[in-house]
Amino acid sequence: PPMLGTAEAIGQMSFLRTLVYSAAVVSALTLAIFSLSLWFSRERDGLFLHFGVLCLAFAVHCLHPFVWQLGLSGTLWYAVEDASWLLALCEAAAVAAVLIQQWQVLKIFQN
């Protein structure tokens, strides 16, 4: 979103936005690495794979401000960003499907 205000206020808002997006990218990448390492080391449970890919897609989507600040944004980047968001939505649905399947196997919801 556009920023309006004094130079100092714009600088503070820009710093805060960069800080928030940095935390989102680092958190998502950390969760992705952890989840994918569990997927590689365990019995290849689909839940870990789908969650790891979901986190990777979210991290790519959150890279937008950094790409824009580096001057690398263009048509290709916007396509990558949109594709990563679509992948994140698909992986969220896949995670939900795996959880529902596991819950039905464990019969958690039966009395």
Protein backbone atom coordinates (compact mmCIF):
# COMPACT_ATOMS: atom_id res chain seq x y z
CA PRO A 1 0.00 0.00 0.00
CA PRO A 2 1.15 3.55 -0.55
CA MET A 3 2.70 5.41 2.37
CA LEU A 4 1.87 9.03 3.12
CA GLY A 5 3.47 11.31 5.68
CA THR A 6 6.74 12.93 6.54
CA ALA A 7 10.03 11.41 5.47
CA GLU A 8 10.60 10.16 9.01
CA ALA A 9 7.14 8.56 9.22
CA ILE A 10 7.58 6.90 5.83
CA GLY A 11 10.98 5.58 6.92
CA GLN A 12 9.49 4.11 10.10
CA MET A 13 6.59 2.49 8.22
CA SER A 14 8.97 1.07 5.63
CA PHE A 15 11.23 -0.34 8.35
CA LEU A 16 8.27 -1.86 10.19
CA ARG A 17 6.90 -3.44 7.00
CA THR A 18 10.33 -4.87 6.19
CA LEU A 19 10.61 -6.23 9.73
CA VAL A 20 7.19 -7.90 9.59
CA TYR A 21 7.79 -9.45 6.17
CA SER A 22 11.26 -10.61 7.27
CA ALA A 23 9.74 -12.37 10.27
CA ALA A 24 7.09 -13.97 8.04
CA VAL A 25 9.66 -15.22 5.51
CA VAL A 26 12.10 -16.53 8.13
CA SER A 27 9.31 -18.23 10.10
CA ALA A 28 7.85 -19.85 6.99
CA LEU A 29 11.24 -21.06 5.79
CA THR A 30 12.07 -22.43 9.24
CA LEU A 31 8.79 -24.34 9.38
CA ALA A 32 9.31 -25.60 5.82
CA ILE A 33 12.81 -26.88 6.55
CA PHE A 34 11.65 -28.55 9.77
CA SER A 35 8.61 -30.14 8.15
CA LEU A 36 10.49 -31.35 5.08
CA SER A 37 13.28 -32.77 7.24
CA LEU A 38 10.65 -34.71 9.19
CA TRP A 39 9.22 -35.95 5.89
CA PHE A 40 12.67 -37.13 4.73
CA SER A 41 13.60 -38.77 8.05
CA ARG A 42 10.30 -40.45 8.90
CA GLU A 43 7.96 -42.74 7.07
CA ARG A 44 7.26 -40.15 4.37
CA ASP A 45 3.96 -39.03 5.85
CA GLY A 46 2.15 -36.85 3.31
CA LEU A 47 1.15 -34.36 5.99
CA PHE A 48 4.76 -33.23 6.49
CA LEU A 49 5.36 -32.91 2.75
CA HIS A 50 2.22 -30.87 2.10
CA PHE A 51 2.82 -28.61 5.09
CA GLY A 52 6.44 -28.03 4.06
CA VAL A 53 5.45 -27.09 0.51
CA LEU A 54 2.70 -24.85 1.92
CA CYS A 55 5.29 -23.01 4.02
CA LEU A 56 7.67 -22.67 1.05
CA ALA A 57 4.90 -21.24 -1.11
CA PHE A 58 3.95 -18.79 1.63
CA ALA A 59 7.59 -17.69 1.99
CA VAL A 60 7.82 -17.02 -1.77
CA HIS A 61 4.60 -15.03 -1.60
CA CYS A 62 5.96 -12.94 1.30
CA LEU A 63 9.14 -12.07 -0.62
CA HIS A 64 7.28 -9.41 -2.62
CA PRO A 65 8.54 -6.33 -0.71
CA PHE A 66 12.15 -7.49 -0.92
CA VAL A 67 11.94 -8.18 -4.65
CA TRP A 68 10.30 -4.80 -5.15
CA GLN A 69 13.00 -3.01 -3.10
CA LEU A 70 15.72 -4.70 -5.19
CA GLY A 71 14.03 -3.48 -8.36
CA LEU A 72 13.48 -7.00 -9.67
CA SER A 73 9.69 -6.87 -9.81
CA GLY A 74 8.16 -7.38 -13.21
CA THR A 75 5.64 -9.46 -15.04
CA LEU A 76 7.51 -12.70 -14.34
CA TRP A 77 7.73 -12.01 -10.61
CA TYR A 78 4.02 -11.25 -10.36
CA ALA A 79 3.30 -14.55 -12.11
CA VAL A 80 5.57 -16.38 -9.65
CA GLU A 81 3.90 -14.63 -6.72
CA ASP A 82 0.41 -15.52 -7.97
CA ALA A 83 1.46 -19.11 -8.66
CA SER A 84 2.92 -19.42 -5.16
CA TRP A 85 -0.34 -18.18 -3.65
CA LEU A 86 -2.31 -20.71 -5.71
CA LEU A 87 0.10 -23.45 -4.63
CA ALA A 88 -0.32 -22.40 -0.98
CA LEU A 89 -4.11 -22.66 -1.29
CA CYS A 90 -3.85 -26.08 -2.95
CA GLU A 91 -1.46 -27.33 -0.29
CA ALA A 92 -3.73 -26.03 2.48
CA ALA A 93 -6.53 -28.09 0.97
CA ALA A 94 -4.19 -31.09 0.77
CA VAL A 95 -3.21 -30.69 4.43
CA ALA A 96 -6.89 -30.55 5.37
CA ALA A 97 -7.59 -33.68 3.32
CA VAL A 98 -4.74 -35.59 4.97
CA LEU A 99 -5.89 -34.53 8.43
CA ILE A 100 -9.48 -35.57 7.72
CA GLN A 101 -8.27 -38.92 6.42
CA GLN A 102 -6.11 -39.47 9.51
CA TRP A 103 -8.92 -38.46 11.84
CA GLN A 104 -11.27 -40.91 10.18
CA VAL A 105 -8.70 -43.69 10.56
CA LEU A 106 -8.18 -42.87 14.25
CA LYS A 107 -11.93 -42.45 14.79
CA ILE A 108 -11.45 -39.36 16.91
CA PHE A 109 -14.93 -38.02 16.25
CA GLN A 110 -16.83 -41.18 17.13
CA ASN A 111 -18.38 -41.55 20.54
